[in-house]
Amino acid sequence: VSAVQLDVIAFLFGMFVFGAALDMSG
């Protein structure tokens, strides 16, 4: 549990949302 770097996971999640919006908006 302590090995999981939550800041990295949160960062990727946020950027995935942003990337999906860029694609979805055209």
PDB file of all heavy atoms in Angstrom:
ATOM      1  N   VAL A   1       0.831  -1.205   0.000  1.00  0.00           N
ATOM      2  CA  VAL A   1       0.000   0.000   0.000  1.00  0.00           C
ATOM      3  C   VAL A   1       0.868   1.258   0.000  1.00  0.00           C
ATOM      4  O   VAL A   1       0.633   2.207  -0.756  1.00  0.00           O
ATOM      5  CB  VAL A   1      -0.956   0.002   1.208  1.00  0.00           C
ATOM      6  CG1 VAL A   1      -1.684   1.340   1.316  1.00  0.00           C
ATOM      7  CG2 VAL A   1      -1.956  -1.142   1.093  1.00  0.00           C
ATOM      8  N   SER A   2       1.902   1.265   0.841  1.00  0.00           N
ATOM      9  CA  SER A   2       2.765   2.445   0.930  1.00  0.00           C
ATOM     10  C   SER A   2       3.629   2.621  -0.321  1.00  0.00           C
ATOM     11  O   SER A   2       4.104   3.728  -0.601  1.00  0.00           O
ATOM     12  CB  SER A   2       3.663   2.354   2.168  1.00  0.00           C
ATOM     13  OG  SER A   2       4.518   1.222   2.092  1.00  0.00           O
ATOM     14  N   ALA A   3       3.834   1.533  -1.074  1.00  0.00           N
ATOM     15  CA  ALA A   3       4.665   1.604  -2.282  1.00  0.00           C
ATOM     16  C   ALA A   3       3.963   2.356  -3.413  1.00  0.00           C
ATOM     17  O   ALA A   3       4.619   2.914  -4.296  1.00  0.00           O
ATOM     18  CB  ALA A   3       5.043   0.205  -2.752  1.00  0.00           C
ATOM     19  N   VAL A   4       2.641   2.358  -3.403  1.00  0.00           N
ATOM     20  CA  VAL A   4       1.876   3.009  -4.473  1.00  0.00           C
ATOM     21  C   VAL A   4       2.012   4.523  -4.343  1.00  0.00           C
ATOM     22  O   VAL A   4       1.676   5.102  -3.313  1.00  0.00           O
ATOM     23  CB  VAL A   4       0.390   2.609  -4.422  1.00  0.00           C
ATOM     24  CG1 VAL A   4      -0.388   3.341  -5.501  1.00  0.00           C
ATOM     25  CG2 VAL A   4       0.251   1.107  -4.588  1.00  0.00           C
ATOM     26  N   GLN A   5       2.536   5.162  -5.365  1.00  0.00           N
ATOM     27  CA  GLN A   5       2.723   6.609  -5.361  1.00  0.00           C
ATOM     28  C   GLN A   5       1.428   7.275  -5.839  1.00  0.00           C
ATOM     29  O   GLN A   5       1.183   7.429  -7.035  1.00  0.00           O
ATOM     30  CB  GLN A   5       3.898   6.977  -6.261  1.00  0.00           C
ATOM     31  CG  GLN A   5       5.218   6.373  -5.800  1.00  0.00           C
ATOM     32  CD  GLN A   5       6.377   6.721  -6.706  1.00  0.00           C
ATOM     33  OE1 GLN A   5       6.395   7.781  -7.342  1.00  0.00           O
ATOM     34  NE2 GLN A   5       7.370   5.854  -6.761  1.00  0.00           N
ATOM     35  N   LEU A   6       0.622   7.676  -4.876  1.00  0.00           N
ATOM     36  CA  LEU A   6      -0.702   8.202  -5.184  1.00  0.00           C
ATOM     37  C   LEU A   6      -0.640   9.495  -5.980  1.00  0.00           C
ATOM     38  O   LEU A   6      -1.549   9.780  -6.776  1.00  0.00           O
ATOM     39  CB  LEU A   6      -1.481   8.424  -3.883  1.00  0.00           C
ATOM     40  CG  LEU A   6      -1.839   7.146  -3.096  1.00  0.00           C
ATOM     41  CD1 LEU A   6      -2.574   7.509  -1.811  1.00  0.00           C
ATOM     42  CD2 LEU A   6      -2.695   6.216  -3.952  1.00  0.00           C
ATOM     43  N   ASP A   7       0.430  10.292  -5.788  1.00  0.00           N
ATOM     44  CA  ASP A   7       0.517  11.535  -6.558  1.00  0.00           C
ATOM     45  C   ASP A   7       0.694  11.246  -8.040  1.00  0.00           C
ATOM     46  O   ASP A   7       0.162  11.961  -8.898  1.00  0.00           O
ATOM     47  CB  ASP A   7       1.653  12.408  -6.036  1.00  0.00           C
ATOM     48  CG  ASP A   7       2.999  11.707  -6.045  1.00  0.00           C
ATOM     49  OD1 ASP A   7       3.019  10.466  -6.065  1.00  0.00           O
ATOM     50  OD2 ASP A   7       4.031  12.401  -6.029  1.00  0.00           O
ATOM     51  N   VAL A   8       1.414  10.164  -8.362  1.00  0.00           N
ATOM     52  CA  VAL A   8       1.585   9.784  -9.765  1.00  0.00           C
ATOM     53  C   VAL A   8       0.255   9.304 -10.346  1.00  0.00           C
ATOM     54  O   VAL A   8      -0.115   9.675 -11.466  1.00  0.00           O
ATOM     55  CB  VAL A   8       2.651   8.679  -9.900  1.00  0.00           C
ATOM     56  CG1 VAL A   8       2.737   8.186 -11.346  1.00  0.00           C
ATOM     57  CG2 VAL A   8       4.014   9.191  -9.445  1.00  0.00           C
ATOM     58  N   ILE A   9      -0.474   8.494  -9.585  1.00  0.00           N
ATOM     59  CA  ILE A   9      -1.767   7.979 -10.051  1.00  0.00           C
ATOM     60  C   ILE A   9      -2.750   9.135 -10.264  1.00  0.00           C
ATOM     61  O   ILE A   9      -3.457   9.195 -11.276  1.00  0.00           O
ATOM     62  CB  ILE A   9      -2.346   6.964  -9.048  1.00  0.00           C
ATOM     63  CG1 ILE A   9      -1.368   5.796  -8.835  1.00  0.00           C
ATOM     64  CG2 ILE A   9      -3.691   6.441  -9.536  1.00  0.00           C
ATOM     65  CD1 ILE A   9      -1.026   5.032 -10.088  1.00  0.00           C
ATOM     66  N   ALA A  10      -2.778  10.059  -9.311  1.00  0.00           N
ATOM     67  CA  ALA A  10      -3.672  11.219  -9.431  1.00  0.00           C
ATOM     68  C   ALA A  10      -3.284  12.085 -10.623  1.00  0.00           C
ATOM     69  O   ALA A  10      -4.146  12.588 -11.354  1.00  0.00           O
ATOM     70  CB  ALA A  10      -3.636  12.048  -8.145  1.00  0.00           C
ATOM     71  N   PHE A  11      -1.980  12.257 -10.826  1.00  0.00           N
ATOM     72  CA  PHE A  11      -1.501  13.044 -11.955  1.00  0.00           C
ATOM     73  C   PHE A  11      -1.948  12.421 -13.271  1.00  0.00           C
ATOM     74  O   PHE A  11      -2.472  13.103 -14.158  1.00  0.00           O
ATOM     75  CB  PHE A  11       0.018  13.134 -11.895  1.00  0.00           C
ATOM     76  CG  PHE A  11       0.647  13.747 -13.123  1.00  0.00           C
ATOM     77  CD1 PHE A  11       0.597  15.109 -13.328  1.00  0.00           C
ATOM     78  CD2 PHE A  11       1.267  12.958 -14.071  1.00  0.00           C
ATOM     79  CE1 PHE A  11       1.164  15.682 -14.463  1.00  0.00           C
ATOM     80  CE2 PHE A  11       1.839  13.510 -15.200  1.00  0.00           C
ATOM     81  CZ  PHE A  11       1.788  14.877 -15.396  1.00  0.00           C
ATOM     82  N   LEU A  12      -1.755  11.121 -13.407  1.00  0.00           N
ATOM     83  CA  LEU A  12      -2.147  10.442 -14.642  1.00  0.00           C
ATOM     84  C   LEU A  12      -3.653  10.524 -14.857  1.00  0.00           C
ATOM     85  O   LEU A  12      -4.119  10.752 -15.978  1.00  0.00           O
ATOM     86  CB  LEU A  12      -1.705   8.978 -14.594  1.00  0.00           C
ATOM     87  CG  LEU A  12      -0.198   8.727 -14.705  1.00  0.00           C
ATOM     88  CD1 LEU A  12       0.095   7.243 -14.511  1.00  0.00           C
ATOM     89  CD2 LEU A  12       0.336   9.207 -16.044  1.00  0.00           C
ATOM     90  N   PHE A  13      -4.419  10.351 -13.792  1.00  0.00           N
ATOM     91  CA  PHE A  13      -5.877  10.437 -13.904  1.00  0.00           C
ATOM     92  C   PHE A  13      -6.296  11.802 -14.435  1.00  0.00           C
ATOM     93  O   PHE A  13      -7.098  11.914 -15.375  1.00  0.00           O
ATOM     94  CB  PHE A  13      -6.527  10.181 -12.544  1.00  0.00           C
ATOM     95  CG  PHE A  13      -8.019  10.377 -12.535  1.00  0.00           C
ATOM     96  CD1 PHE A  13      -8.856   9.357 -12.956  1.00  0.00           C
ATOM     97  CD2 PHE A  13      -8.577  11.575 -12.123  1.00  0.00           C
ATOM     98  CE1 PHE A  13     -10.242   9.533 -12.967  1.00  0.00           C
ATOM     99  CE2 PHE A  13      -9.953  11.762 -12.125  1.00  0.00           C
ATOM    100  CZ  PHE A  13     -10.782  10.732 -12.552  1.00  0.00           C
ATOM    101  N   GLY A  14      -5.745  12.856 -13.840  1.00  0.00           N
ATOM    102  CA  GLY A  14      -6.108  14.203 -14.274  1.00  0.00           C
ATOM    103  C   GLY A  14      -5.727  14.468 -15.717  1.00  0.00           C
ATOM    104  O   GLY A  14      -6.498  15.069 -16.480  1.00  0.00           O
ATOM    105  N   MET A  15      -4.544  13.987 -16.131  1.00  0.00           N
ATOM    106  CA  MET A  15      -4.106  14.220 -17.503  1.00  0.00           C
ATOM    107  C   MET A  15      -4.895  13.369 -18.494  1.00  0.00           C
ATOM    108  O   MET A  15      -5.099  13.771 -19.643  1.00  0.00           O
ATOM    109  CB  MET A  15      -2.610  13.947 -17.624  1.00  0.00           C
ATOM    110  CG  MET A  15      -1.740  14.886 -16.801  1.00  0.00           C
ATOM    111  SD  MET A  15      -2.199  16.643 -16.903  1.00  0.00           S
ATOM    112  CE  MET A  15      -1.968  16.969 -18.655  1.00  0.00           C
ATOM    113  N   PHE A  16      -5.347  12.187 -18.059  1.00  0.00           N
ATOM    114  CA  PHE A  16      -6.202  11.375 -18.918  1.00  0.00           C
ATOM    115  C   PHE A  16      -7.530  12.095 -19.173  1.00  0.00           C
ATOM    116  O   PHE A  16      -8.055  12.066 -20.288  1.00  0.00           O
ATOM    117  CB  PHE A  16      -6.478  10.008 -18.283  1.00  0.00           C
ATOM    118  CG  PHE A  16      -5.345   9.029 -18.438  1.00  0.00           C
ATOM    119  CD1 PHE A  16      -5.047   8.136 -17.437  1.00  0.00           C
ATOM    120  CD2 PHE A  16      -4.595   8.989 -19.599  1.00  0.00           C
ATOM    121  CE1 PHE A  16      -4.012   7.223 -17.571  1.00  0.00           C
ATOM    122  CE2 PHE A  16      -3.562   8.088 -19.754  1.00  0.00           C
ATOM    123  CZ  PHE A  16      -3.258   7.200 -18.743  1.00  0.00           C
ATOM    124  N   VAL A  17      -8.078  12.728 -18.146  1.00  0.00           N
ATOM    125  CA  VAL A  17      -9.323  13.492 -18.314  1.00  0.00           C
ATOM    126  C   VAL A  17      -9.093  14.635 -19.300  1.00  0.00           C
ATOM    127  O   VAL A  17      -9.896  14.865 -20.224  1.00  0.00           O
ATOM    128  CB  VAL A  17      -9.816  14.037 -16.958  1.00  0.00           C
ATOM    129  CG1 VAL A  17     -10.973  15.021 -17.164  1.00  0.00           C
ATOM    130  CG2 VAL A  17     -10.253  12.898 -16.041  1.00  0.00           C
ATOM    131  N   PHE A  18      -7.998  15.358 -19.129  1.00  0.00           N
ATOM    132  CA  PHE A  18      -7.684  16.481 -20.009  1.00  0.00           C
ATOM    133  C   PHE A  18      -7.451  16.003 -21.444  1.00  0.00           C
ATOM    134  O   PHE A  18      -7.961  16.598 -22.402  1.00  0.00           O
ATOM    135  CB  PHE A  18      -6.444  17.214 -19.491  1.00  0.00           C
ATOM    136  CG  PHE A  18      -6.022  18.386 -20.339  1.00  0.00           C
ATOM    137  CD1 PHE A  18      -6.862  19.481 -20.498  1.00  0.00           C
ATOM    138  CD2 PHE A  18      -4.797  18.393 -20.975  1.00  0.00           C
ATOM    139  CE1 PHE A  18      -6.475  20.565 -21.277  1.00  0.00           C
ATOM    140  CE2 PHE A  18      -4.401  19.465 -21.761  1.00  0.00           C
ATOM    141  CZ  PHE A  18      -5.247  20.554 -21.905  1.00  0.00           C
ATOM    142  N   GLY A  19      -6.726  14.920 -21.608  1.00  0.00           N
ATOM    143  CA  GLY A  19      -6.477  14.377 -22.942  1.00  0.00           C
ATOM    144  C   GLY A  19      -7.750  13.921 -23.624  1.00  0.00           C
ATOM    145  O   GLY A  19      -7.940  14.139 -24.831  1.00  0.00           O
ATOM    146  N   ALA A  20      -8.635  13.300 -22.842  1.00  0.00           N
ATOM    147  CA  ALA A  20      -9.912  12.853 -23.410  1.00  0.00           C
ATOM    148  C   ALA A  20     -10.760  14.039 -23.853  1.00  0.00           C
ATOM    149  O   ALA A  20     -11.431  13.991 -24.892  1.00  0.00           O
ATOM    150  CB  ALA A  20     -10.670  12.016 -22.373  1.00  0.00           C
ATOM    151  N   ALA A  21     -10.711  15.116 -23.085  1.00  0.00           N
ATOM    152  CA  ALA A  21     -11.488  16.309 -23.445  1.00  0.00           C
ATOM    153  C   ALA A  21     -10.945  16.957 -24.718  1.00  0.00           C
ATOM    154  O   ALA A  21     -11.717  17.412 -25.568  1.00  0.00           O
ATOM    155  CB  ALA A  21     -11.460  17.311 -22.294  1.00  0.00           C
ATOM    156  N   LEU A  22      -9.607  16.995 -24.852  1.00  0.00           N
ATOM    157  CA  LEU A  22      -9.016  17.537 -26.078  1.00  0.00           C
ATOM    158  C   LEU A  22      -9.487  16.764 -27.296  1.00  0.00           C
ATOM    159  O   LEU A  22      -9.814  17.331 -28.335  1.00  0.00           O
ATOM    160  CB  LEU A  22      -7.488  17.477 -25.991  1.00  0.00           C
ATOM    161  CG  LEU A  22      -6.784  18.515 -25.109  1.00  0.00           C
ATOM    162  CD1 LEU A  22      -5.282  18.222 -25.083  1.00  0.00           C
ATOM    163  CD2 LEU A  22      -7.036  19.923 -25.613  1.00  0.00           C
ATOM    164  N   ASP A  23      -9.514  15.451 -27.150  1.00  0.00           N
ATOM    165  CA  ASP A  23      -9.923  14.598 -28.260  1.00  0.00           C
ATOM    166  C   ASP A  23     -11.417  14.727 -28.533  1.00  0.00           C
ATOM    167  O   ASP A  23     -11.854  14.878 -29.669  1.00  0.00           O
ATOM    168  CB  ASP A  23      -9.549  13.150 -27.932  1.00  0.00           C
ATOM    169  CG  ASP A  23      -9.708  12.234 -29.130  1.00  0.00           C
ATOM    170  OD1 ASP A  23      -9.622  12.715 -30.271  1.00  0.00           O
ATOM    171  OD2 ASP A  23      -9.919  11.019 -28.927  1.00  0.00           O
ATOM    172  N   MET A  24     -12.211  14.685 -27.487  1.00  0.00           N
ATOM    173  CA  MET A  24     -13.665  14.695 -27.618  1.00  0.00           C
ATOM    174  C   MET A  24     -14.190  16.021 -28.155  1.00  0.00           C
ATOM    175  O   MET A  24     -15.185  16.066 -28.886  1.00  0.00           O
ATOM    176  CB  MET A  24     -14.297  14.394 -26.251  1.00  0.00           C
ATOM    177  CG  MET A  24     -15.703  13.853 -26.296  1.00  0.00           C
ATOM    178  SD  MET A  24     -16.275  13.410 -24.619  1.00  0.00           S
ATOM    179  CE  MET A  24     -15.158  12.059 -24.236  1.00  0.00           C
ATOM    180  N   SER A  25     -13.525  17.113 -27.826  1.00  0.00           N
ATOM    181  CA  SER A  25     -13.970  18.435 -28.276  1.00  0.00           C
ATOM    182  C   SER A  25     -13.622  18.695 -29.736  1.00  0.00           C
ATOM    183  O   SER A  25     -14.207  19.578 -30.366  1.00  0.00           O
ATOM    184  CB  SER A  25     -13.313  19.524 -27.417  1.00  0.00           C
ATOM    185  OG  SER A  25     -11.915  19.558 -27.653  1.00  0.00           O
ATOM    186  N   GLY A  26     -12.651  17.941 -30.266  1.00  0.00           N
ATOM    187  CA  GLY A  26     -12.169  18.190 -31.612  1.00  0.00           C
ATOM    188  C   GLY A  26     -11.013  19.166 -31.641  1.00  0.00           C
ATOM    189  O   GLY A  26     -10.412  19.419 -32.685  1.00  0.00           O
TER     190      GLY A  26
END
